[in-house]
Amino acid sequence: MKAQVAPVLGQGPAVALAAVRRGRQVTLPALALAAIDDHLDARLVEENEALQQRVRSAEAHSLQVTEMVHELEREITRLRGELDDFKIQRGQVVEAVQSWVGEMGRLTNELLARTKRH
């Protein structure tokens, strides 16, 4: 179990060790406290460095994802342009077919009119 650092009334800082069966508190000399501080400082520095590395990694990943999103947005814009072009072409084809069908209808009617007269 972990040791808990706590002040003892009327004394200097002390450590209550959870492993001590009777729950007694032991007063530590200043040198022991300094060693604990150094150990905690080193652990905090290591943890801070690890967290900073995670942040840098997350930022790099974020940049990659952002670039991918921008690429996809450009592709969407390009595809929408192609779709608009196809719609225009489809409209032109429909107009051409309608014109052709109309002309065929006119020619058919003209031919029928000539055959009835003769």
Protein backbone atom coordinates (compact mmCIF):
# COMPACT_ATOMS: atom_id res chain seq x y z
CA MET A 1 0.00 0.00 0.00
CA LYS A 2 1.04 3.61 -0.50
CA ALA A 3 2.44 5.78 2.25
CA GLN A 4 0.52 8.93 3.06
CA VAL A 5 2.50 12.06 3.89
CA ALA A 6 0.82 14.16 6.59
CA PRO A 7 1.88 16.61 9.30
CA VAL A 8 1.81 15.47 12.91
CA LEU A 9 0.60 18.06 15.42
CA GLY A 10 3.49 19.41 17.43
CA GLN A 11 6.09 17.67 15.26
CA GLY A 12 7.59 17.92 11.81
CA PRO A 13 6.15 16.09 8.80
CA ALA A 14 5.49 12.37 9.21
CA VAL A 15 4.51 9.39 7.09
CA ALA A 16 1.65 7.08 8.06
CA LEU A 17 2.50 3.75 6.48
CA ALA A 18 -0.54 1.70 5.57
CA ALA A 19 1.56 -1.45 5.93
CA VAL A 20 2.28 -0.78 9.61
CA ARG A 21 -0.24 -2.91 11.48
CA ARG A 22 -0.72 -0.68 14.47
CA GLY A 23 -1.20 2.45 12.43
CA ARG A 24 1.65 4.28 14.15
CA GLN A 25 3.12 7.45 12.64
CA VAL A 26 6.84 7.77 12.20
CA THR A 27 8.58 11.16 12.18
CA LEU A 28 11.08 11.41 9.34
CA PRO A 29 14.23 13.51 9.42
CA ALA A 30 14.56 16.40 6.95
CA LEU A 31 16.93 14.34 4.77
CA ALA A 32 14.30 11.65 4.25
CA LEU A 33 11.72 14.28 3.31
CA ALA A 34 14.15 15.82 0.83
CA ALA A 35 14.67 12.39 -0.76
CA ILE A 36 10.91 11.92 -1.00
CA ASP A 37 10.59 15.38 -2.59
CA ASP A 38 13.36 14.56 -5.07
CA HIS A 39 11.70 11.25 -5.95
CA LEU A 40 8.30 12.91 -6.38
CA ASP A 41 9.86 15.73 -8.42
CA ALA A 42 11.57 13.21 -10.72
CA ARG A 43 8.34 11.25 -11.16
CA LEU A 44 6.40 14.45 -11.90
CA VAL A 45 9.01 15.50 -14.47
CA GLU A 46 8.81 12.07 -16.14
CA GLU A 47 5.02 12.15 -16.12
CA ASN A 48 5.03 15.70 -17.50
CA GLU A 49 7.40 14.69 -20.32
CA ALA A 50 5.25 11.66 -21.14
CA LEU A 51 2.13 13.83 -21.24
CA GLN A 52 3.85 16.40 -23.43
CA GLN A 53 4.85 13.62 -25.83
CA ARG A 54 1.24 12.43 -25.94
CA VAL A 55 0.13 15.99 -26.70
CA ARG A 56 2.68 16.28 -29.53
CA SER A 57 1.56 12.94 -30.91
CA ALA A 58 -2.13 13.95 -30.71
CA GLU A 59 -1.35 17.27 -32.42
CA ALA A 60 0.50 15.48 -35.24
CA HIS A 61 -2.42 13.09 -35.66
CA SER A 62 -4.82 16.03 -35.64
CA LEU A 63 -2.83 17.69 -38.44
CA GLN A 64 -2.97 14.49 -40.49
CA VAL A 65 -6.71 14.17 -40.00
CA THR A 66 -7.21 17.86 -40.85
CA GLU A 67 -5.23 17.47 -44.08
CA MET A 68 -7.25 14.36 -44.94
CA VAL A 69 -10.48 16.30 -44.37
CA HIS A 70 -9.23 19.10 -46.64
CA GLU A 71 -8.35 16.56 -49.34
CA LEU A 72 -11.81 15.02 -49.08
CA GLU A 73 -13.44 18.44 -49.27
CA ARG A 74 -11.46 19.21 -52.45
CA GLU A 75 -12.50 15.86 -53.92
CA ILE A 76 -16.15 16.55 -53.03
CA THR A 77 -15.93 19.94 -54.76
CA ARG A 78 -14.38 18.33 -57.85
CA LEU A 79 -17.05 15.61 -57.96
CA ARG A 80 -19.84 18.17 -57.56
CA GLY A 81 -18.40 20.05 -60.54
CA GLU A 82 -18.41 16.84 -62.61
CA LEU A 83 -21.98 16.13 -61.51
CA ASP A 84 -23.05 19.63 -62.59
CA ASP A 85 -21.35 19.07 -65.98
CA PHE A 86 -23.16 15.73 -66.39
CA LYS A 87 -26.48 17.37 -65.55
CA ILE A 88 -25.87 20.01 -68.22
CA GLN A 89 -24.92 17.31 -70.75
CA ARG A 90 -28.00 15.28 -69.84
CA GLY A 91 -30.17 18.35 -70.42
CA GLN A 92 -28.55 18.88 -73.82
CA VAL A 93 -29.11 15.22 -74.77
CA VAL A 94 -32.76 15.41 -73.67
CA GLU A 95 -33.26 18.56 -75.76
CA ALA A 96 -31.58 16.93 -78.78
CA VAL A 97 -33.72 13.78 -78.47
CA GLN A 98 -36.90 15.83 -78.05
CA SER A 99 -35.99 17.90 -81.10
CA TRP A 100 -35.25 14.75 -83.11
CA VAL A 101 -38.53 13.08 -82.00
CA GLY A 102 -40.40 16.27 -82.87
CA GLU A 103 -38.79 16.39 -86.31
CA MET A 104 -39.55 12.69 -86.87
CA GLY A 105 -43.18 13.36 -85.90
CA ARG A 106 -43.38 16.30 -88.33
CA LEU A 107 -41.85 14.25 -91.16
CA THR A 108 -44.16 11.32 -90.40
CA ASN A 109 -47.21 13.58 -90.51
CA GLU A 110 -46.00 15.15 -93.77
CA LEU A 111 -45.44 11.71 -95.29
CA LEU A 112 -48.92 10.57 -94.18
CA ALA A 113 -50.47 13.67 -95.67
CA ARG A 114 -48.73 13.06 -99.02
CA THR A 115 -49.72 9.39 -99.12
CA LYS A 116 -53.38 10.25 -98.46
CA ARG A 117 -53.39 12.70 -101.36
CA HIS A 118 -52.07 10.26 -103.84
